[in-house]
Protein backbone atom coordinates (compact mmCIF):
# COMPACT_ATOMS: atom_id res chain seq x y z
CA MET A 1 6.04 89.98 29.55
CA GLU A 2 6.78 91.86 32.83
CA PHE A 3 3.64 92.50 34.98
CA ARG A 4 3.99 96.19 34.95
CA ASP A 5 4.31 96.11 31.14
CA LEU A 6 1.18 93.81 30.96
CA VAL A 7 -0.69 96.23 32.98
CA SER A 8 0.27 99.28 31.19
CA GLN A 9 -0.05 97.89 27.62
CA ARG A 10 -3.51 96.35 28.01
CA ARG A 11 -6.27 98.05 26.02
CA SER A 12 -9.90 97.61 25.70
CA ILE A 13 -10.57 96.06 22.36
CA ARG A 14 -13.79 96.58 20.43
CA ARG A 15 -12.84 95.41 17.00
CA PHE A 16 -11.84 91.73 16.51
CA LYS A 17 -10.21 89.54 13.83
CA PRO A 18 -12.27 86.48 12.93
CA ASP A 19 -9.35 84.19 13.95
CA PRO A 20 -10.61 81.48 16.27
CA VAL A 21 -9.53 81.16 19.86
CA SER A 22 -8.88 77.58 21.04
CA LEU A 23 -10.92 76.21 23.72
CA GLU A 24 -7.71 74.99 25.57
CA GLU A 25 -6.51 78.64 25.67
CA ILE A 26 -9.83 79.94 27.00
CA LYS A 27 -9.65 77.38 29.72
CA GLU A 28 -6.06 78.49 30.63
CA ILE A 29 -7.30 82.03 30.75
CA ILE A 30 -10.16 81.12 33.07
CA ALA A 31 -7.88 79.05 35.19
CA ALA A 32 -5.96 82.27 35.84
CA ALA A 33 -9.21 84.16 36.69
CA VAL A 34 -10.37 81.84 39.36
CA GLU A 35 -7.19 82.44 41.26
CA ALA A 36 -8.49 86.02 41.95
CA PRO A 37 -9.17 87.16 45.47
CA ASN A 38 -12.79 86.73 46.44
CA ALA A 39 -15.01 87.37 49.46
CA GLY A 40 -14.71 84.52 51.93
CA ASN A 41 -13.12 82.24 49.30
CA GLU A 42 -16.68 81.56 48.11
CA GLN A 43 -15.55 81.68 44.53
CA MET A 44 -19.06 82.87 43.48
CA TRP A 45 -18.28 83.15 39.77
CA HIS A 46 -19.24 81.05 36.81
CA PHE A 47 -18.05 81.65 33.26
CA MET A 48 -20.19 80.64 30.16
CA VAL A 49 -18.08 80.30 27.08
CA ILE A 50 -20.10 81.31 23.96
CA THR A 51 -18.65 80.68 20.50
CA ASN A 52 -21.92 79.84 18.55
CA GLU A 53 -22.60 82.58 16.02
CA LYS A 54 -26.26 82.21 16.21
CA THR A 55 -26.30 82.53 20.06
CA LYS A 56 -24.05 85.69 19.91
CA GLU A 57 -26.27 87.31 17.21
CA LYS A 58 -29.42 86.42 19.34
CA MET A 59 -27.82 88.04 22.35
CA ALA A 60 -26.92 91.17 20.33
CA GLU A 61 -30.59 91.31 19.11
CA ILE A 62 -31.90 91.09 22.60
CA VAL A 63 -29.76 94.00 23.73
CA LYS A 64 -30.60 96.03 20.61
CA ASN A 65 -34.38 95.56 21.12
CA ARG A 66 -34.10 96.48 24.77
CA ILE A 67 -32.22 99.68 24.18
CA GLU A 68 -34.69 100.51 21.43
CA ARG A 69 -37.82 99.95 23.71
CA LEU A 70 -36.02 102.07 26.42
CA ALA A 71 -35.42 104.89 23.84
CA ALA A 72 -38.97 104.80 22.79
CA SER A 73 -40.16 105.09 26.21
CA VAL A 74 -38.34 108.52 26.68
CA GLY A 75 -39.26 109.75 23.24
CA LEU A 76 -36.01 108.83 21.34
CA THR A 77 -36.00 106.98 17.96
CA ALA A 78 -33.94 103.82 17.09
CA GLU A 79 -31.94 106.19 14.79
CA GLN A 80 -31.06 108.43 17.77
CA VAL A 81 -29.74 105.45 19.78
CA LYS A 82 -27.73 103.73 17.07
CA PRO A 83 -24.41 104.74 18.74
CA VAL A 84 -25.67 103.20 22.11
CA VAL A 85 -26.69 99.99 20.33
CA LYS A 86 -23.32 99.78 18.62
CA THR A 87 -21.32 100.15 21.79
CA SER A 88 -23.47 97.66 23.55
CA THR A 89 -23.61 94.88 21.08
CA PHE A 90 -20.05 94.90 19.48
CA PHE A 91 -19.36 91.79 21.39
CA VAL A 92 -21.08 89.88 18.56
CA GLN A 93 -17.95 90.33 16.35
CA ALA A 94 -15.66 88.53 18.76
CA PRO A 95 -14.86 84.71 18.13
CA VAL A 96 -15.65 84.15 21.87
CA VAL A 97 -17.88 85.84 24.43
CA ILE A 98 -17.60 84.94 28.02
CA ALA A 99 -20.79 85.55 30.04
CA VAL A 100 -19.67 86.04 33.70
CA THR A 101 -22.28 85.30 36.29
CA THR A 102 -22.38 85.67 40.07
CA ARG A 103 -24.50 84.75 42.98
CA PRO A 104 -25.18 86.71 46.26
CA TYR A 105 -22.61 86.67 49.09
CA ARG A 106 -23.58 86.92 52.70
CA SER A 107 -21.00 86.76 55.59
CA LYS A 108 -21.57 86.32 59.24
CA VAL A 109 -21.44 90.29 59.56
CA ASP A 110 -24.27 90.32 56.91
CA GLN A 111 -26.32 87.94 58.79
CA MET A 112 -26.04 90.02 61.90
CA LEU A 113 -26.92 93.06 60.02
CA LYS A 114 -30.08 91.26 58.68
CA GLU A 115 -31.02 90.01 62.13
CA SER A 116 -30.63 93.56 63.35
CA GLY A 117 -33.24 94.85 60.95
CA PHE A 118 -31.18 96.05 57.81
CA SER A 119 -32.74 95.13 54.37
CA ASP A 120 -30.80 93.47 51.74
CA ARG A 121 -30.43 96.73 49.86
CA GLU A 122 -29.09 98.41 52.84
CA ILE A 123 -26.67 95.72 53.40
CA ASP A 124 -25.44 95.76 49.92
CA GLU A 125 -24.99 99.63 50.13
CA LEU A 126 -23.15 99.38 53.42
CA ARG A 127 -20.97 96.39 52.49
CA SER A 128 -20.29 97.75 48.89
CA ARG A 129 -21.18 94.37 47.21
CA PRO A 130 -18.33 92.03 48.02
CA ASP A 131 -19.83 89.56 45.37
CA LEU A 132 -19.43 91.99 42.69
CA GLN A 133 -15.99 93.12 43.88
CA SER A 134 -15.03 89.38 43.69
CA ILE A 135 -16.27 89.27 40.14
CA GLY A 136 -14.39 92.37 39.35
CA ALA A 137 -11.18 90.92 40.56
CA ALA A 138 -11.84 87.75 38.34
CA VAL A 139 -12.62 89.74 35.26
CA GLN A 140 -9.65 91.96 35.66
CA THR A 141 -7.38 88.79 35.97
CA LEU A 142 -9.19 87.12 33.00
CA ILE A 143 -8.53 90.14 30.88
CA LEU A 144 -4.79 90.37 31.74
CA ALA A 145 -4.40 86.64 31.21
CA ALA A 146 -5.95 86.79 27.72
CA TRP A 147 -3.62 89.94 26.87
CA GLU A 148 -0.56 87.98 27.90
CA LYS A 149 -1.62 85.36 25.28
CA GLY A 150 -2.05 88.00 22.60
CA TYR A 151 -5.91 88.26 22.82
CA GLY A 152 -7.80 91.36 23.36
CA CYS A 153 -10.86 91.71 25.54
CA CYS A 154 -13.39 94.45 26.57
CA TRP A 155 -15.19 94.40 30.04
CA MET A 156 -18.84 95.02 29.11
CA THR A 157 -21.65 95.89 31.48
CA GLY A 158 -23.67 97.91 28.96
CA PRO A 159 -25.38 94.63 27.68
CA CYS A 160 -26.69 94.16 31.15
CA VAL A 161 -29.46 96.74 30.38
CA ALA A 162 -31.10 93.59 29.01
CA ARG A 163 -29.93 91.37 31.83
CA PRO A 164 -33.34 89.65 32.49
CA GLU A 165 -33.68 88.88 28.84
CA LEU A 166 -30.17 87.65 28.35
CA GLU A 167 -30.36 85.56 31.57
CA ALA A 168 -33.79 83.92 30.18
CA TYR A 169 -32.09 83.21 26.95
CA LEU A 170 -28.90 81.80 28.33
CA GLY A 171 -30.66 79.81 31.04
CA ILE A 172 -29.17 81.69 33.99
CA THR A 173 -31.60 81.25 36.93
CA GLY A 174 -31.67 82.60 40.51
CA PRO A 175 -29.76 82.88 42.66
CA ARG A 176 -27.22 83.44 39.80
CA SER A 177 -27.24 86.62 37.90
CA LEU A 178 -25.37 88.03 34.87
CA ALA A 179 -22.48 90.35 35.93
CA ALA A 180 -20.69 91.19 32.72
CA LEU A 181 -20.01 90.00 29.06
CA VAL A 182 -16.17 89.65 27.98
CA PRO A 183 -15.70 89.38 24.31
CA ILE A 184 -12.18 87.77 23.43
CA GLY A 185 -10.24 87.60 20.22
CA ARG A 186 -7.20 88.91 18.29
CA ALA A 187 -7.46 92.76 18.14
CA GLU A 188 -8.11 94.19 14.60
CA ILE A 189 -7.17 97.51 16.11
CA ILE A 190 -5.31 98.30 19.15
CA PRO A 191 -6.23 101.81 20.35
CA ALA A 192 -3.67 104.34 21.81
CA SER A 193 -3.66 104.93 25.54
CA ARG A 194 -6.26 107.32 26.72
CA GLY A 195 -3.98 108.23 29.51
CA ARG A 196 -4.44 108.09 33.47
CA LYS A 197 -4.92 110.68 36.07
CA PRO A 198 -1.40 111.68 37.73
CA LEU A 199 -0.94 109.73 40.89
CA GLU A 200 -1.10 112.89 42.96
CA GLU A 201 -4.84 113.17 42.04
CA VAL A 202 -5.71 109.67 43.26
CA ILE A 203 -3.61 109.07 46.32
CA THR A 204 -4.25 110.23 49.77
CA ILE A 205 -1.55 109.39 52.30
CA ILE A 206 -2.69 109.21 56.00
CA GLU A 207 0.49 109.09 58.30
């Protein structure tokens, strides 16, 4: 498949067939992901490949419970947030879920900022989180590599509303943190394109 076709035909998949995905193919997909550009070549990513059904179900339960507790704290019922729960837990249907983790990144410039009195939060705001940008590059590459092999994915950060609980359950400890979940499997339904803004709206040329 030509690269331009690969990019334009890719879709976010939210309904999966039960067909298994071979571990060998998952390894090949991740091998492509780790070729992504990343800050300082620190390669701060790590990929947890989850195929165990009970583990996926427990993860979905953790996310559901967190959303329902949050809803109750603002006066909403579990019934009212059912759609939110659904969009945050559909990963449980996929044969494979990849939990992508990262760790903090600090360059020499960041160290100078720290020594000059900037807080970690101020540094992150100023530097636009190169660690998460690196993870984003890896996840995008992973999704395209999976699509090329005939598998659908969805880049999910919604479940991270329960990040502390998910990290505890999956054994993710500092300085690592959960950045995203990526369910992978054969698409049951491939949605139509939702379109993109015209280039004229997203390009500024400074000559």
